C-alpha cells in the first residue's frame, strides 16, 4: 500500500519543486537507472497524477531514492567537470 505524504512541501507537485532541472536531466534514464521503472511512472509521480488521473505522490521511500539519485547525478557531474 502506498503511503501518501501530506507535508507542505508535498502539497506542490514534485515537478514544480524540480522545475529548474526539468530540461537538464534525462528523467527517463533516471527512472530506469535508479527506480527500475518506466519514464511514464516517474512523470506521473512528478505530476501528482497516476495514469488514470487519480492523485498520487511519492512515498517516503521513493522521495529518499529520488534525493539519492539526484545527489549521485550531481556527484557524477562534478567529477566530470573537475576532470576537464
C-alpha atoms as a PDB file:
ATOM      1  CA  UNK A   1       0.000   0.000   0.000  1.00  0.00           C
ATOM      2  CA  UNK A   2       1.315   3.438  -0.887  1.00  0.00           C
ATOM      3  CA  UNK A   3       1.933   5.956   1.869  1.00  0.00           C
ATOM      4  CA  UNK A   4       0.697   9.427   0.963  1.00  0.00           C
ATOM      5  CA  UNK A   5       2.823  12.317   2.182  1.00  0.00           C
ATOM      6  CA  UNK A   6       0.832  15.381   3.204  1.00  0.00           C
ATOM      7  CA  UNK A   7       3.500  17.894   4.119  1.00  0.00           C
ATOM      8  CA  UNK A   8       3.549  21.484   2.907  1.00  0.00           C
ATOM      9  CA  UNK A   9       6.446  20.564   0.638  1.00  0.00           C
ATOM     10  CA  UNK A  10       4.443  17.717  -0.911  1.00  0.00           C
ATOM     11  CA  UNK A  11       1.356  19.883  -1.461  1.00  0.00           C
ATOM     12  CA  UNK A  12       3.027  21.281  -4.554  1.00  0.00           C
ATOM     13  CA  UNK A  13       3.930  18.767  -7.201  1.00  0.00           C
ATOM     14  CA  UNK A  14       7.448  17.396  -7.346  1.00  0.00           C
ATOM     15  CA  UNK A  15       7.551  18.762 -10.887  1.00  0.00           C
ATOM     16  CA  UNK A  16       7.201  22.310  -9.554  1.00  0.00           C
ATOM     17  CA  UNK A  17       9.850  21.703  -6.917  1.00  0.00           C
ATOM     18  CA  UNK A  18      12.298  20.480  -9.576  1.00  0.00           C
ATOM     19  CA  UNK A  19      11.323  22.987 -12.293  1.00  0.00           C
ATOM     20  CA  UNK A  20      14.873  24.319 -12.563  1.00  0.00           C
ATOM     21  CA  UNK A  21      16.126  20.862 -13.599  1.00  0.00           C
ATOM     22  CA  UNK A  22      13.328  19.593 -15.834  1.00  0.00           C
ATOM     23  CA  UNK A  23      15.030  20.120 -19.182  1.00  0.00           C
ATOM     24  CA  UNK A  24      18.562  19.436 -17.937  1.00  0.00           C
ATOM     25  CA  UNK A  25      18.069  15.833 -16.828  1.00  0.00           C
ATOM     26  CA  UNK A  26      17.088  12.684 -18.686  1.00  0.00           C
ATOM     27  CA  UNK A  27      14.207  11.686 -16.433  1.00  0.00           C
ATOM     28  CA  UNK A  28      13.634   8.506 -18.450  1.00  0.00           C
ATOM     29  CA  UNK A  29      17.200   7.394 -17.758  1.00  0.00           C
ATOM     30  CA  UNK A  30      16.955   8.404 -14.106  1.00  0.00           C
ATOM     31  CA  UNK A  31      13.722   6.424 -13.741  1.00  0.00           C
ATOM     32  CA  UNK A  32      15.218   3.273 -15.287  1.00  0.00           C
ATOM     33  CA  UNK A  33      18.599   3.545 -13.561  1.00  0.00           C
ATOM     34  CA  UNK A  34      17.563   4.427 -10.036  1.00  0.00           C
ATOM     35  CA  UNK A  35      13.984   3.143  -9.756  1.00  0.00           C
ATOM     36  CA  UNK A  36      13.851   0.352 -12.326  1.00  0.00           C
ATOM     37  CA  UNK A  37      10.594   1.829 -13.595  1.00  0.00           C
ATOM     38  CA  UNK A  38       9.324   3.362 -16.812  1.00  0.00           C
ATOM     39  CA  UNK A  39       9.636   7.038 -17.581  1.00  0.00           C
ATOM     40  CA  UNK A  40       5.841   7.392 -17.554  1.00  0.00           C
ATOM     41  CA  UNK A  41       5.785   6.122 -13.950  1.00  0.00           C
ATOM     42  CA  UNK A  42       8.163   8.912 -12.917  1.00  0.00           C
ATOM     43  CA  UNK A  43       6.385  11.589 -14.952  1.00  0.00           C
ATOM     44  CA  UNK A  44       3.042  10.633 -13.393  1.00  0.00           C
ATOM     45  CA  UNK A  45       4.558  10.716  -9.898  1.00  0.00           C
ATOM     46  CA  UNK A  46       6.103  14.115 -10.575  1.00  0.00           C
ATOM     47  CA  UNK A  47       2.799  15.476 -11.875  1.00  0.00           C
ATOM     48  CA  UNK A  48       0.923  14.120  -8.862  1.00  0.00           C
ATOM     49  CA  UNK A  49      -1.492  12.103 -11.021  1.00  0.00           C
ATOM     50  CA  UNK A  50      -1.365   8.428 -11.911  1.00  0.00           C
ATOM     51  CA  UNK A  51      -2.091   7.033 -15.381  1.00  0.00           C
ATOM     52  CA  UNK A  52      -5.821   7.129 -14.661  1.00  0.00           C
ATOM     53  CA  UNK A  53      -5.793  10.733 -13.485  1.00  0.00           C
ATOM     54  CA  UNK A  54      -6.089   9.856  -9.793  1.00  0.00           C
ATOM     55  CA  UNK A  55      -3.995  11.794  -7.265  1.00  0.00           C
ATOM     56  CA  UNK A  56      -0.705  10.140  -6.375  1.00  0.00           C
ATOM     57  CA  UNK A  57       2.597  11.139  -4.861  1.00  0.00           C
ATOM     58  CA  UNK A  58       5.950   9.705  -3.942  1.00  0.00           C
ATOM     59  CA  UNK A  59       6.180   7.519  -0.863  1.00  0.00           C
ATOM     60  CA  UNK A  60       8.706   8.490   1.800  1.00  0.00           C
ATOM     61  CA  UNK A  61      10.958   5.720   0.499  1.00  0.00           C
ATOM     62  CA  UNK A  62      10.657   6.957  -3.108  1.00  0.00           C
ATOM     63  CA  UNK A  63      11.475  10.513  -2.027  1.00  0.00           C
ATOM     64  CA  UNK A  64      14.658   9.267  -0.387  1.00  0.00           C
ATOM     65  CA  UNK A  65      15.519   7.308  -3.560  1.00  0.00           C
ATOM     66  CA  UNK A  66      14.937  10.420  -5.679  1.00  0.00           C
ATOM     67  CA  UNK A  67      17.119  12.518  -3.371  1.00  0.00           C
ATOM     68  CA  UNK A  68      19.849   9.883  -3.581  1.00  0.00           C
ATOM     69  CA  UNK A  69      19.566   9.715  -7.372  1.00  0.00           C
ATOM     70  CA  UNK A  70      19.884  13.487  -7.730  1.00  0.00           C
ATOM     71  CA  UNK A  71      22.836  13.594  -5.330  1.00  0.00           C
ATOM     72  CA  UNK A  72      24.551  10.766  -7.196  1.00  0.00           C
ATOM     73  CA  UNK A  73      23.965  12.520 -10.512  1.00  0.00           C
ATOM     74  CA  UNK A  74      25.327  15.794  -9.114  1.00  0.00           C
ATOM     75  CA  UNK A  75      28.442  13.987  -7.884  1.00  0.00           C
ATOM     76  CA  UNK A  76      28.943  12.409 -11.309  1.00  0.00           C
ATOM     77  CA  UNK A  77      28.612  15.821 -12.987  1.00  0.00           C
ATOM     78  CA  UNK A  78      31.065  17.383 -10.513  1.00  0.00           C
ATOM     79  CA  UNK A  79      33.640  14.615 -11.119  1.00  0.00           C
ATOM     80  CA  UNK A  80      33.305  15.045 -14.874  1.00  0.00           C
ATOM     81  CA  UNK A  81      33.682  18.828 -14.608  1.00  0.00           C
ATOM     82  CA  UNK A  82      36.731  18.513 -12.358  1.00  0.00           C
ATOM     83  CA  UNK A  83      38.395  16.117 -14.811  1.00  0.00           C
ATOM     84  CA  UNK A  84      38.339  18.686 -17.613  1.00  0.00           C
END
